PDB file of N, CA and C in Angstrom:
ATOM      1  N   MET A   1     -17.899 -10.410  17.200  1.00  0.00           N
ATOM      2  CA  MET A   1     -17.089 -11.411  16.311  1.00  0.00           C
ATOM      3  C   MET A   1     -16.339 -10.353  15.471  1.00  0.00           C
ATOM      4  N   SER A   2     -14.951 -10.089  15.476  1.00  0.00           N
ATOM      5  CA  SER A   2     -14.206  -9.547  14.520  1.00  0.00           C
ATOM      6  C   SER A   2     -14.063 -10.087  13.155  1.00  0.00           C
ATOM      7  N   ALA A   3     -13.972  -9.096  12.201  1.00  0.00           N
ATOM      8  CA  ALA A   3     -13.796  -9.595  10.971  1.00  0.00           C
ATOM      9  C   ALA A   3     -12.314 -10.326  10.603  1.00  0.00           C
ATOM     10  N   GLN A   4     -12.127 -11.166   9.812  1.00  0.00           N
ATOM     11  CA  GLN A   4     -10.828 -11.811   9.203  1.00  0.00           C
ATOM     12  C   GLN A   4     -10.069 -10.839   8.519  1.00  0.00           C
ATOM     13  N   THR A   5      -8.906 -10.460   8.915  1.00  0.00           N
ATOM     14  CA  THR A   5      -8.030  -9.884   8.219  1.00  0.00           C
ATOM     15  C   THR A   5      -6.968 -10.422   7.069  1.00  0.00           C
ATOM     16  N   VAL A   6      -7.436 -10.313   5.713  1.00  0.00           N
ATOM     17  CA  VAL A   6      -7.042 -10.654   4.848  1.00  0.00           C
ATOM     18  C   VAL A   6      -6.288  -9.757   3.747  1.00  0.00           C
ATOM     19  N   ILE A   7      -5.148 -10.122   3.249  1.00  0.00           N
ATOM     20  CA  ILE A   7      -4.248  -9.298   2.178  1.00  0.00           C
ATOM     21  C   ILE A   7      -3.931  -9.858   1.013  1.00  0.00           C
ATOM     22  N   GLY A   8      -4.387  -9.528  -0.230  1.00  0.00           N
ATOM     23  CA  GLY A   8      -4.121 -10.049  -1.233  1.00  0.00           C
ATOM     24  C   GLY A   8      -2.781  -9.420  -2.065  1.00  0.00           C
ATOM     25  N   ILE A   9      -1.890  -9.896  -2.395  1.00  0.00           N
ATOM     26  CA  ILE A   9      -0.737  -9.125  -2.924  1.00  0.00           C
ATOM     27  C   ILE A   9      -0.615  -9.748  -4.187  1.00  0.00           C
ATOM     28  N   ASP A  10      -0.558  -8.752  -5.177  1.00  0.00           N
ATOM     29  CA  ASP A  10      -0.172  -9.073  -6.597  1.00  0.00           C
ATOM     30  C   ASP A  10       1.560  -9.016  -6.712  1.00  0.00           C
ATOM     31  N   VAL A  11       2.139 -10.022  -7.074  1.00  0.00           N
ATOM     32  CA  VAL A  11       3.701 -10.149  -7.356  1.00  0.00           C
ATOM     33  C   VAL A  11       4.057  -9.950  -8.652  1.00  0.00           C
ATOM     34  N   SER A  12       4.803  -8.961  -8.393  1.00  0.00           N
ATOM     35  CA  SER A  12       5.453  -8.647 -10.052  1.00  0.00           C
ATOM     36  C   SER A  12       7.249  -8.776  -9.821  1.00  0.00           C
ATOM     37  N   ARG A  13       7.889  -8.646 -10.728  1.00  0.00           N
ATOM     38  CA  ARG A  13       9.100  -8.919 -10.886  1.00  0.00           C
ATOM     39  C   ARG A  13       9.927  -7.677  -9.754  1.00  0.00           C
ATOM     40  N   ASP A  14       9.277  -6.630 -10.099  1.00  0.00           N
ATOM     41  CA  ASP A  14       9.565  -5.130  -9.323  1.00  0.00           C
ATOM     42  C   ASP A  14       8.707  -4.850  -7.976  1.00  0.00           C
ATOM     43  N   TRP A  15       7.392  -5.196  -8.016  1.00  0.00           N
ATOM     44  CA  TRP A  15       6.537  -4.476  -7.088  1.00  0.00           C
ATOM     45  C   TRP A  15       5.614  -5.694  -6.656  1.00  0.00           C
ATOM     46  N   LEU A  16       5.246  -5.263  -5.186  1.00  0.00           N
ATOM     47  CA  LEU A  16       4.188  -6.041  -4.342  1.00  0.00           C
ATOM     48  C   LEU A  16       3.109  -5.005  -4.199  1.00  0.00           C
ATOM     49  N   ASP A  17       1.890  -5.362  -4.700  1.00  0.00           N
ATOM     50  CA  ASP A  17       0.725  -4.514  -4.727  1.00  0.00           C
ATOM     51  C   ASP A  17      -0.121  -5.064  -4.066  1.00  0.00           C
ATOM     52  N   GLY A  18      -0.551  -4.683  -2.543  1.00  0.00           N
ATOM     53  CA  GLY A  18      -1.435  -5.360  -1.811  1.00  0.00           C
ATOM     54  C   GLY A  18      -2.660  -4.500  -1.476  1.00  0.00           C
ATOM     55  N   PHE A  19      -3.613  -5.214  -1.026  1.00  0.00           N
ATOM     56  CA  PHE A  19      -5.051  -4.767  -0.874  1.00  0.00           C
ATOM     57  C   PHE A  19      -5.452  -5.428   0.334  1.00  0.00           C
ATOM     58  N   CYS A  20      -5.780  -4.759   1.734  1.00  0.00           N
ATOM     59  CA  CYS A  20      -6.257  -5.403   2.945  1.00  0.00           C
ATOM     60  C   CYS A  20      -7.533  -5.218   3.161  1.00  0.00           C
ATOM     61  N   LEU A  21      -8.448  -6.405   3.619  1.00  0.00           N
ATOM     62  CA  LEU A  21      -9.681  -6.323   3.977  1.00  0.00           C
ATOM     63  C   LEU A  21      -9.627  -6.905   5.486  1.00  0.00           C
ATOM     64  N   PRO A  22     -10.546  -6.158   6.262  1.00  0.00           N
ATOM     65  CA  PRO A  22     -11.828  -5.287   5.988  1.00  0.00           C
ATOM     66  C   PRO A  22     -11.352  -3.848   5.893  1.00  0.00           C
ATOM     67  N   GLY A  23     -10.102  -3.306   6.294  1.00  0.00           N
ATOM     68  CA  GLY A  23      -9.819  -2.062   6.365  1.00  0.00           C
ATOM     69  C   GLY A  23      -9.787  -1.405   4.928  1.00  0.00           C
ATOM     70  N   LYS A  24      -9.543  -2.278   3.691  1.00  0.00           N
ATOM     71  CA  LYS A  24      -9.602  -1.648   2.125  1.00  0.00           C
ATOM     72  C   LYS A  24      -8.107  -0.851   2.147  1.00  0.00           C
ATOM     73  N   GLN A  25      -7.181  -1.133   2.934  1.00  0.00           N
ATOM     74  CA  GLN A  25      -5.822  -0.593   2.988  1.00  0.00           C
ATOM     75  C   GLN A  25      -5.052  -0.927   1.776  1.00  0.00           C
ATOM     76  N   ARG A  26      -4.489  -0.029   1.169  1.00  0.00           N
ATOM     77  CA  ARG A  26      -3.784  -0.364  -0.006  1.00  0.00           C
ATOM     78  C   ARG A  26      -2.060  -0.075   0.298  1.00  0.00           C
ATOM     79  N   PHE A  27      -1.307  -0.738  -0.292  1.00  0.00           N
ATOM     80  CA  PHE A  27       0.221  -0.707  -0.102  1.00  0.00           C
ATOM     81  C   PHE A  27       0.788  -1.288  -1.156  1.00  0.00           C
ATOM     82  N   ARG A  28       1.928  -0.681  -1.320  1.00  0.00           N
ATOM     83  CA  ARG A  28       3.109  -0.845  -2.629  1.00  0.00           C
ATOM     84  C   ARG A  28       4.415  -0.808  -2.017  1.00  0.00           C
ATOM     85  N   CYS A  29       5.044  -2.080  -2.170  1.00  0.00           N
ATOM     86  CA  CYS A  29       6.504  -2.359  -1.827  1.00  0.00           C
ATOM     87  C   CYS A  29       7.409  -2.836  -3.009  1.00  0.00           C
ATOM     88  N   GLN A  30       8.685  -2.376  -2.928  1.00  0.00           N
ATOM     89  CA  GLN A  30       9.538  -3.181  -4.015  1.00  0.00           C
ATOM     90  C   GLN A  30       9.657  -4.376  -3.525  1.00  0.00           C
ATOM     91  N   ASN A  31       9.509  -5.544  -4.654  1.00  0.00           N
ATOM     92  CA  ASN A  31       9.697  -7.086  -4.518  1.00  0.00           C
ATOM     93  C   ASN A  31      11.370  -7.091  -4.535  1.00  0.00           C
ATOM     94  N   SER A  32      11.771  -6.813  -3.475  1.00  0.00           N
ATOM     95  CA  SER A  32      13.310  -6.626  -2.932  1.00  0.00           C
ATOM     96  C   SER A  32      13.472  -7.041  -1.497  1.00  0.00           C
ATOM     97  N   PRO A  33      14.708  -7.410  -1.099  1.00  0.00           N
ATOM     98  CA  PRO A  33      14.823  -7.565   0.413  1.00  0.00           C
ATOM     99  C   PRO A  33      14.318  -6.193   1.137  1.00  0.00           C
ATOM    100  N   ASP A  34      14.774  -5.041   0.671  1.00  0.00           N
ATOM    101  CA  ASP A  34      14.006  -3.796   1.353  1.00  0.00           C
ATOM    102  C   ASP A  34      12.759  -3.850   1.554  1.00  0.00           C
ATOM    103  N   GLY A  35      12.013  -3.971   0.229  1.00  0.00           N
ATOM    104  CA  GLY A  35      10.643  -4.180   0.134  1.00  0.00           C
ATOM    105  C   GLY A  35      10.069  -4.967   0.966  1.00  0.00           C
ATOM    106  N   HIS A  36      10.610  -6.355   1.096  1.00  0.00           N
ATOM    107  CA  HIS A  36      10.284  -7.288   2.062  1.00  0.00           C
ATOM    108  C   HIS A  36      10.071  -6.930   3.379  1.00  0.00           C
ATOM    109  N   ALA A  37      11.167  -6.399   3.808  1.00  0.00           N
ATOM    110  CA  ALA A  37      11.404  -5.624   5.320  1.00  0.00           C
ATOM    111  C   ALA A  37      10.179  -4.812   5.429  1.00  0.00           C
ATOM    112  N   ARG A  38       9.912  -3.778   4.583  1.00  0.00           N
ATOM    113  CA  ARG A  38       8.787  -2.853   4.644  1.00  0.00           C
ATOM    114  C   ARG A  38       7.422  -3.556   4.707  1.00  0.00           C
ATOM    115  N   LEU A  39       7.060  -4.534   3.932  1.00  0.00           N
ATOM    116  CA  LEU A  39       5.957  -5.321   4.278  1.00  0.00           C
ATOM    117  C   LEU A  39       5.600  -5.934   5.380  1.00  0.00           C
ATOM    118  N   LEU A  40       6.781  -6.528   6.073  1.00  0.00           N
ATOM    119  CA  LEU A  40       6.979  -7.023   7.331  1.00  0.00           C
ATOM    120  C   LEU A  40       6.632  -5.969   8.486  1.00  0.00           C
ATOM    121  N   GLU A  41       6.962  -4.927   8.166  1.00  0.00           N
ATOM    122  CA  GLU A  41       6.804  -3.727   9.276  1.00  0.00           C
ATOM    123  C   GLU A  41       5.075  -3.488   8.925  1.00  0.00           C
ATOM    124  N   ILE A  42       4.440  -3.467   7.952  1.00  0.00           N
ATOM    125  CA  ILE A  42       3.271  -3.216   7.612  1.00  0.00           C
ATOM    126  C   ILE A  42       2.431  -4.280   8.331  1.00  0.00           C
ATOM    127  N   LEU A  43       2.800  -5.737   7.966  1.00  0.00           N
ATOM    128  CA  LEU A  43       1.943  -6.689   8.639  1.00  0.00           C
ATOM    129  C   LEU A  43       2.243  -6.751  10.172  1.00  0.00           C
ATOM    130  N   GLN A  44       3.323  -6.366  10.752  1.00  0.00           N
ATOM    131  CA  GLN A  44       3.468  -6.227  12.213  1.00  0.00           C
ATOM    132  C   GLN A  44       2.386  -5.540  12.953  1.00  0.00           C
ATOM    133  N   GLY A  45       1.582  -4.450  12.201  1.00  0.00           N
ATOM    134  CA  GLY A  45       0.593  -3.821  12.876  1.00  0.00           C
ATOM    135  C   GLY A  45      -0.592  -4.240  12.638  1.00  0.00           C
ATOM    136  N   MET A  46      -0.829  -5.548  12.038  1.00  0.00           N
ATOM    137  CA  MET A  46      -2.031  -6.187  11.851  1.00  0.00           C
ATOM    138  C   MET A  46      -2.294  -7.426  12.758  1.00  0.00           C
ATOM    139  N   PRO A  47      -3.578  -7.709  12.830  1.00  0.00           N
ATOM    140  CA  PRO A  47      -3.969  -8.973  13.826  1.00  0.00           C
ATOM    141  C   PRO A  47      -3.259 -10.024  13.406  1.00  0.00           C
ATOM    142  N   ASP A  48      -2.914 -10.968  14.585  1.00  0.00           N
ATOM    143  CA  ASP A  48      -2.325 -12.213  14.570  1.00  0.00           C
ATOM    144  C   ASP A  48      -2.972 -13.186  13.634  1.00  0.00           C
ATOM    145  N   ASP A  49      -4.185 -12.986  13.306  1.00  0.00           N
ATOM    146  CA  ASP A  49      -4.890 -14.178  12.472  1.00  0.00           C
ATOM    147  C   ASP A  49      -4.774 -13.759  11.349  1.00  0.00           C
ATOM    148  N   LEU A  50      -3.883 -12.769  10.871  1.00  0.00           N
ATOM    149  CA  LEU A  50      -3.911 -12.448   9.344  1.00  0.00           C
ATOM    150  C   LEU A  50      -3.671 -13.655   8.411  1.00  0.00           C
ATOM    151  N   LYS A  51      -4.257 -13.343   7.339  1.00  0.00           N
ATOM    152  CA  LYS A  51      -3.685 -14.339   6.154  1.00  0.00           C
ATOM    153  C   LYS A  51      -3.556 -13.608   4.907  1.00  0.00           C
ATOM    154  N   VAL A  52      -2.464 -14.244   4.138  1.00  0.00           N
ATOM    155  CA  VAL A  52      -2.035 -13.285   3.153  1.00  0.00           C
ATOM    156  C   VAL A  52      -2.110 -14.482   1.839  1.00  0.00           C
ATOM    157  N   GLY A  53      -2.367 -13.979   0.971  1.00  0.00           N
ATOM    158  CA  GLY A  53      -2.566 -14.853  -0.434  1.00  0.00           C
ATOM    159  C   GLY A  53      -2.134 -14.017  -1.511  1.00  0.00           C
ATOM    160  N   PHE A  54      -1.319 -14.733  -2.383  1.00  0.00           N
ATOM    161  CA  PHE A  54      -0.739 -13.955  -3.625  1.00  0.00           C
ATOM    162  C   PHE A  54      -0.858 -14.992  -4.837  1.00  0.00           C
ATOM    163  N   GLU A  55      -0.638 -14.266  -6.027  1.00  0.00           N
ATOM    164  CA  GLU A  55      -0.638 -15.157  -6.993  1.00  0.00           C
ATOM    165  C   GLU A  55       0.576 -15.866  -7.623  1.00  0.00           C
ATOM    166  N   ALA A  56       0.735 -16.844  -8.180  1.00  0.00           N
ATOM    167  CA  ALA A  56       1.696 -17.445  -8.829  1.00  0.00           C
ATOM    168  C   ALA A  56       2.198 -16.594  -9.820  1.00  0.00           C
ATOM    169  N   THR A  57       3.337 -16.263 -10.046  1.00  0.00           N
ATOM    170  CA  THR A  57       4.176 -15.404 -10.767  1.00  0.00           C
ATOM    171  C   THR A  57       5.449 -15.825 -11.466  1.00  0.00           C
ATOM    172  N   GLY A  58       5.427 -17.138 -11.737  1.00  0.00           N
ATOM    173  CA  GLY A  58       6.662 -17.641 -12.268  1.00  0.00           C
ATOM    174  C   GLY A  58       7.865 -17.397 -11.495  1.00  0.00           C
ATOM    175  N   GLY A  59       7.761 -17.767 -10.305  1.00  0.00           N
ATOM    176  CA  GLY A  59       8.730 -17.752  -9.536  1.00  0.00           C
ATOM    177  C   GLY A  59       9.236 -16.347  -8.777  1.00  0.00           C
ATOM    178  N   GLN A  60       8.672 -15.389  -9.117  1.00  0.00           N
ATOM    179  CA  GLN A  60       8.846 -14.190  -8.376  1.00  0.00           C
ATOM    180  C   GLN A  60       8.243 -14.023  -7.027  1.00  0.00           C
ATOM    181  N   GLU A  61       7.566 -14.990  -6.775  1.00  0.00           N
ATOM    182  CA  GLU A  61       6.721 -14.859  -5.364  1.00  0.00           C
ATOM    183  C   GLU A  61       7.610 -15.744  -4.289  1.00  0.00           C
ATOM    184  N   TRP A  62       8.756 -16.560  -4.745  1.00  0.00           N
ATOM    185  CA  TRP A  62       8.974 -17.583  -3.918  1.00  0.00           C
ATOM    186  C   TRP A  62       9.848 -17.076  -2.670  1.00  0.00           C
ATOM    187  N   ALA A  63      10.610 -15.883  -2.869  1.00  0.00           N
ATOM    188  CA  ALA A  63      11.457 -15.375  -1.752  1.00  0.00           C
ATOM    189  C   ALA A  63      10.425 -14.548  -0.753  1.00  0.00           C
ATOM    190  N   LEU A  64       9.292 -14.251  -1.196  1.00  0.00           N
ATOM    191  CA  LEU A  64       8.449 -13.399  -0.341  1.00  0.00           C
ATOM    192  C   LEU A  64       7.545 -14.453   0.454  1.00  0.00           C
ATOM    193  N   TRP A  65       7.299 -15.585  -0.042  1.00  0.00           N
ATOM    194  CA  TRP A  65       6.537 -16.756   0.496  1.00  0.00           C
ATOM    195  C   TRP A  65       7.477 -17.200   1.722  1.00  0.00           C
ATOM    196  N   ARG A  66       8.815 -17.688   1.234  1.00  0.00           N
ATOM    197  CA  ARG A  66       9.567 -18.103   2.130  1.00  0.00           C
ATOM    198  C   ARG A  66       9.559 -17.402   3.486  1.00  0.00           C
ATOM    199  N   LEU A  67       9.721 -16.211   3.362  1.00  0.00           N
ATOM    200  CA  LEU A  67      10.151 -15.037   4.325  1.00  0.00           C
ATOM    201  C   LEU A  67       8.768 -15.069   5.102  1.00  0.00           C
ATOM    202  N   LEU A  68       7.583 -15.090   4.637  1.00  0.00           N
ATOM    203  CA  LEU A  68       6.242 -14.796   5.538  1.00  0.00           C
ATOM    204  C   LEU A  68       6.262 -15.850   6.289  1.00  0.00           C
ATOM    205  N   VAL A  69       6.246 -17.354   5.575  1.00  0.00           N
ATOM    206  CA  VAL A  69       6.003 -18.428   6.249  1.00  0.00           C
ATOM    207  C   VAL A  69       7.203 -18.653   7.432  1.00  0.00           C
ATOM    208  N   SER A  70       8.402 -18.449   7.416  1.00  0.00           N
ATOM    209  CA  SER A  70       9.502 -18.500   8.097  1.00  0.00           C
ATOM    210  C   SER A  70       9.112 -17.426   9.583  1.00  0.00           C
ATOM    211  N   ARG A  71       8.244 -16.495   9.358  1.00  0.00           N
ATOM    212  CA  ARG A  71       7.696 -15.390  10.335  1.00  0.00           C
ATOM    213  C   ARG A  71       6.725 -15.921  10.768  1.00  0.00           C
ATOM    214  N   GLY A  72       6.066 -16.921  10.522  1.00  0.00           N
ATOM    215  CA  GLY A  72       4.767 -17.649  11.121  1.00  0.00           C
ATOM    216  C   GLY A  72       3.554 -16.943  10.616  1.00  0.00           C
ATOM    217  N   ILE A  73       3.743 -16.220   9.577  1.00  0.00           N
ATOM    218  CA  ILE A  73       2.492 -15.709   8.824  1.00  0.00           C
ATOM    219  C   ILE A  73       1.707 -16.904   7.810  1.00  0.00           C
ATOM    220  N   ASN A  74       0.352 -16.730   7.989  1.00  0.00           N
ATOM    221  CA  ASN A  74      -0.282 -17.858   7.293  1.00  0.00           C
ATOM    222  C   ASN A  74      -0.232 -17.031   5.740  1.00  0.00           C
ATOM    223  N   ALA A  75       0.471 -17.641   4.837  1.00  0.00           N
ATOM    224  CA  ALA A  75       0.702 -17.071   3.450  1.00  0.00           C
ATOM    225  C   ALA A  75       0.514 -18.203   2.671  1.00  0.00           C
ATOM    226  N   VAL A  76      -0.452 -17.954   1.609  1.00  0.00           N
ATOM    227  CA  VAL A  76      -0.665 -19.249   0.774  1.00  0.00           C
ATOM    228  C   VAL A  76      -0.360 -18.659  -0.825  1.00  0.00           C
ATOM    229  N   GLN A  77      -0.177 -19.499  -1.569  1.00  0.00           N
ATOM    230  CA  GLN A  77      -0.090 -19.188  -2.952  1.00  0.00           C
ATOM    231  C   GLN A  77      -1.407 -19.488  -3.657  1.00  0.00           C
ATOM    232  N   LEU A  78      -1.971 -18.575  -4.520  1.00  0.00           N
ATOM    233  CA  LEU A  78      -3.207 -18.751  -5.051  1.00  0.00           C
ATOM    234  C   LEU A  78      -3.147 -19.098  -6.524  1.00  0.00           C
ATOM    235  N   PRO A  79      -3.843 -19.883  -7.363  1.00  0.00           N
ATOM    236  CA  PRO A  79      -3.756 -20.077  -8.470  1.00  0.00           C
ATOM    237  C   PRO A  79      -4.636 -18.935  -9.519  1.00  0.00           C
ATOM    238  N   LEU A  80      -5.296 -17.997  -9.070  1.00  0.00           N
ATOM    239  CA  LEU A  80      -5.952 -17.088  -9.478  1.00  0.00           C
ATOM    240  C   LEU A  80      -5.299 -15.805  -9.713  1.00  0.00           C
ATOM    241  N   ASP A  81      -5.808 -14.905 -10.672  1.00  0.00           N
ATOM    242  CA  ASP A  81      -5.212 -13.505 -10.579  1.00  0.00           C
ATOM    243  C   ASP A  81      -5.272 -12.715  -9.344  1.00  0.00           C
ATOM    244  N   VAL A  82      -4.756 -12.602  -8.749  1.00  0.00           N
ATOM    245  CA  VAL A  82      -4.793 -11.855  -7.281  1.00  0.00           C
ATOM    246  C   VAL A  82      -4.621 -10.323  -7.758  1.00  0.00           C
ATOM    247  N   SER A  83      -4.197  -9.865  -8.848  1.00  0.00           N
ATOM    248  CA  SER A  83      -4.312  -8.462  -9.224  1.00  0.00           C
ATOM    249  C   SER A  83      -5.755  -7.843  -8.945  1.00  0.00           C
ATOM    250  N   ARG A  84      -6.796  -8.894  -9.406  1.00  0.00           N
ATOM    251  CA  ARG A  84      -8.074  -8.197  -8.916  1.00  0.00           C
ATOM    252  C   ARG A  84      -8.432  -7.943  -7.712  1.00  0.00           C
ATOM    253  N   PHE A  85      -7.790  -8.790  -6.877  1.00  0.00           N
ATOM    254  CA  PHE A  85      -8.058  -8.584  -5.339  1.00  0.00           C
ATOM    255  C   PHE A  85      -7.253  -7.250  -4.972  1.00  0.00           C
ATOM    256  N   SER A  86      -5.959  -7.155  -5.277  1.00  0.00           N
ATOM    257  CA  SER A  86      -5.214  -5.771  -5.095  1.00  0.00           C
ATOM    258  C   SER A  86      -5.840  -4.666  -5.650  1.00  0.00           C
ATOM    259  N   SER A  87      -6.749  -4.702  -6.804  1.00  0.00           N
ATOM    260  CA  SER A  87      -7.229  -3.585  -7.323  1.00  0.00           C
ATOM    261  C   SER A  87      -8.376  -3.294  -6.414  1.00  0.00           C
ATOM    262  N   GLY A  88      -9.032  -3.914  -5.466  1.00  0.00           N
ATOM    263  CA  GLY A  88      -9.927  -3.548  -4.511  1.00  0.00           C
ATOM    264  C   GLY A  88     -11.298  -4.415  -4.720  1.00  0.00           C
ATOM    265  N   GLN A  89     -11.121  -5.286  -5.814  1.00  0.00           N
ATOM    266  CA  GLN A  89     -12.428  -6.259  -5.770  1.00  0.00           C
ATOM    267  C   GLN A  89     -12.121  -7.409  -4.642  1.00  0.00           C
ATOM    268  N   GLU A  90     -13.208  -7.673  -4.099  1.00  0.00           N
ATOM    269  CA  GLU A  90     -13.453  -8.888  -2.864  1.00  0.00           C
ATOM    270  C   GLU A  90     -13.417 -10.140  -3.381  1.00  0.00           C
ATOM    271  N   VAL A  91     -13.311 -10.511  -4.600  1.00  0.00           N
ATOM    272  CA  VAL A  91     -13.625 -11.659  -5.229  1.00  0.00           C
ATOM    273  C   VAL A  91     -13.016 -12.874  -4.766  1.00  0.00           C
ATOM    274  N   LEU A  92     -11.465 -12.508  -4.326  1.00  0.00           N
ATOM    275  CA  LEU A  92     -10.842 -13.708  -3.877  1.00  0.00           C
ATOM    276  C   LEU A  92     -10.879 -13.973  -2.227  1.00  0.00           C
ATOM    277  N   MET A  93     -11.662 -12.956  -1.543  1.00  0.00           N
ATOM    278  CA  MET A  93     -11.906 -13.262  -0.030  1.00  0.00           C
ATOM    279  C   MET A  93     -12.220 -14.589   0.376  1.00  0.00           C
ATOM    280  N   PRO A  94     -13.120 -15.120  -0.189  1.00  0.00           N
ATOM    281  CA  PRO A  94     -13.809 -16.487   0.239  1.00  0.00           C
ATOM    282  C   PRO A  94     -12.553 -17.462  -0.085  1.00  0.00           C
ATOM    283  N   LEU A  95     -11.922 -17.468  -1.262  1.00  0.00           N
ATOM    284  CA  LEU A  95     -10.950 -18.679  -1.407  1.00  0.00           C
ATOM    285  C   LEU A  95      -9.819 -18.506  -0.479  1.00  0.00           C
ATOM    286  N   LEU A  96      -9.250 -17.297  -0.600  1.00  0.00           N
ATOM    287  CA  LEU A  96      -8.277 -17.004   0.719  1.00  0.00           C
ATOM    288  C   LEU A  96      -8.658 -17.514   1.953  1.00  0.00           C
ATOM    289  N   LEU A  97      -9.875 -17.349   2.354  1.00  0.00           N
ATOM    290  CA  LEU A  97     -10.082 -17.650   3.818  1.00  0.00           C
ATOM    291  C   LEU A  97     -10.215 -19.141   3.890  1.00  0.00           C
ATOM    292  N   GLN A  98     -10.456 -19.992   2.925  1.00  0.00           N
ATOM    293  CA  GLN A  98     -10.508 -21.389   2.905  1.00  0.00           C
ATOM    294  C   GLN A  98      -9.348 -21.940   3.015  1.00  0.00           C
ATOM    295  N   LYS A  99      -8.128 -21.533   2.184  1.00  0.00           N
ATOM    296  CA  LYS A  99      -6.856 -21.862   2.265  1.00  0.00           C
ATOM    297  C   LYS A  99      -5.963 -21.866   3.275  1.00  0.00           C
ATOM    298  N   ARG A 100      -4.958 -22.886   3.627  1.00  0.00           N
ATOM    299  CA  ARG A 100      -4.402 -22.898   4.932  1.00  0.00           C
ATOM    300  C   ARG A 100      -2.755 -23.486   4.342  1.00  0.00           C
ATOM    301  N   VAL A 101      -1.985 -23.005   5.232  1.00  0.00           N
ATOM    302  CA  VAL A 101      -0.632 -23.239   5.006  1.00  0.00           C
ATOM    303  C   VAL A 101      -0.521 -24.850   5.200  1.00  0.00           C
ATOM    304  N   GLY A 102       0.378 -25.619   4.219  1.00  0.00           N
ATOM    305  CA  GLY A 102       0.922 -26.720   4.624  1.00  0.00           C
ATOM    306  C   GLY A 102      -0.075 -27.799   4.487  1.00  0.00           C
TER     307      GLY A 102
END
Protein backbone atom coordinates (compact mmCIF):
# COMPACT_ATOMS: atom_id res chain seq x y z
CA MET A 1 0.00 0.00 0.00
CA SER A 2 1.47 3.36 -0.99
CA ALA A 3 1.42 6.38 1.30
CA GLN A 4 -1.12 9.15 0.72
CA THR A 5 0.40 12.29 -0.79
CA VAL A 6 -0.53 15.32 1.29
CA ILE A 7 0.48 18.95 0.83
CA GLY A 8 0.11 21.69 3.41
CA ILE A 9 0.31 25.26 2.12
CA ASP A 10 0.87 28.34 4.24
CA VAL A 11 -0.87 31.11 2.30
CA SER A 12 0.19 34.72 2.73
CA ARG A 13 -0.46 37.84 0.71
CA ASP A 14 2.70 37.35 -1.37
CA TRP A 15 3.73 33.70 -1.03
CA LEU A 16 2.56 30.09 -1.00
CA ASP A 17 4.92 28.03 1.14
CA GLY A 18 4.29 24.32 0.81
CA PHE A 19 5.44 21.07 2.32
CA CYS A 20 4.66 17.67 0.82
CA LEU A 21 4.43 14.30 2.57
CA PRO A 22 5.62 11.61 2.39
CA GLY A 23 8.47 13.00 0.24
CA LYS A 24 9.22 15.98 2.51
CA GLN A 25 9.49 18.24 -0.53
CA ARG A 26 9.33 21.99 0.11
CA PHE A 27 8.32 24.62 -2.40
CA ARG A 28 7.63 28.33 -2.55
CA CYS A 29 5.56 30.10 -5.20
CA GLN A 30 4.26 33.62 -5.47
CA ASN A 31 0.62 34.05 -4.49
CA SER A 32 -0.22 35.40 -7.94
CA PRO A 33 -1.59 33.99 -11.21
CA ASP A 34 1.97 33.11 -12.30
CA GLY A 35 2.69 31.48 -8.96
CA HIS A 36 -0.56 29.52 -9.12
CA ALA A 37 0.42 28.26 -12.58
CA ARG A 38 3.79 27.17 -11.17
CA LEU A 39 2.04 25.38 -8.32
CA LEU A 40 -0.16 23.52 -10.80
CA GLU A 41 3.00 22.38 -12.62
CA ILE A 42 4.36 21.04 -9.33
CA LEU A 43 1.10 19.26 -8.53
CA GLN A 44 0.89 17.63 -11.98
CA GLY A 45 3.91 15.56 -11.06
CA MET A 46 2.18 14.16 -7.97
CA PRO A 47 -0.13 11.14 -7.59
CA ASP A 48 -3.81 11.50 -8.55
CA ASP A 49 -5.01 10.91 -4.96
CA LEU A 50 -3.26 14.09 -3.80
CA LYS A 51 -4.80 16.11 -0.96
CA VAL A 52 -4.01 19.79 -0.44
CA GLY A 53 -4.81 21.74 2.71
CA PHE A 54 -4.21 25.37 3.53
CA GLU A 55 -5.03 27.76 6.32
CA ALA A 56 -7.68 30.44 6.29
CA THR A 57 -5.79 33.71 5.78
CA GLY A 58 -8.32 36.50 5.55
CA GLY A 59 -9.30 35.86 1.95
CA GLN A 60 -5.80 35.48 0.52
CA GLU A 61 -6.55 31.81 -0.18
CA TRP A 62 -9.78 32.11 -2.21
CA ALA A 63 -8.26 32.44 -5.70
CA LEU A 64 -5.97 29.49 -5.05
CA TRP A 65 -8.81 27.38 -3.66
CA ARG A 66 -11.07 28.09 -6.64
CA LEU A 67 -8.28 27.21 -9.07
CA LEU A 68 -7.37 23.92 -7.38
CA VAL A 69 -10.98 22.75 -7.09
CA SER A 70 -11.67 23.72 -10.72
CA ARG A 71 -8.78 21.43 -11.72
CA GLY A 72 -10.25 18.52 -9.74
CA ILE A 73 -7.70 18.70 -6.94
CA ASN A 74 -8.96 17.71 -3.49
CA ALA A 75 -8.25 21.02 -1.73
CA VAL A 76 -9.57 21.94 1.70
CA GLN A 77 -9.34 24.95 3.94
CA LEU A 78 -8.11 24.13 7.44
CA PRO A 79 -8.94 26.19 10.51
CA LEU A 80 -5.50 25.62 12.04
CA ASP A 81 -2.08 27.15 11.54
CA VAL A 82 -0.78 25.31 8.47
CA SER A 83 2.52 27.15 8.78
CA ARG A 84 3.52 24.45 11.28
CA PHE A 85 2.89 21.91 8.52
CA SER A 86 4.81 23.83 5.87
CA SER A 87 7.68 24.15 8.33
CA GLY A 88 8.02 20.38 8.28
CA GLN A 89 6.02 19.39 11.33
CA GLU A 90 3.59 16.62 10.47
CA VAL A 91 0.97 17.58 13.05
CA LEU A 92 -1.77 18.39 10.52
CA MET A 93 -1.52 15.28 8.38
CA PRO A 94 -4.23 13.32 10.25
CA LEU A 95 -6.63 16.28 10.06
CA LEU A 96 -5.98 16.81 6.36
CA LEU A 97 -6.44 13.13 5.60
CA GLN A 98 -9.89 13.26 7.22
CA LYS A 99 -11.10 16.41 5.41
CA ARG A 100 -13.01 16.09 2.15
CA VAL A 101 -14.13 18.57 -0.45
CA GLY A 102 -17.75 19.64 -0.44
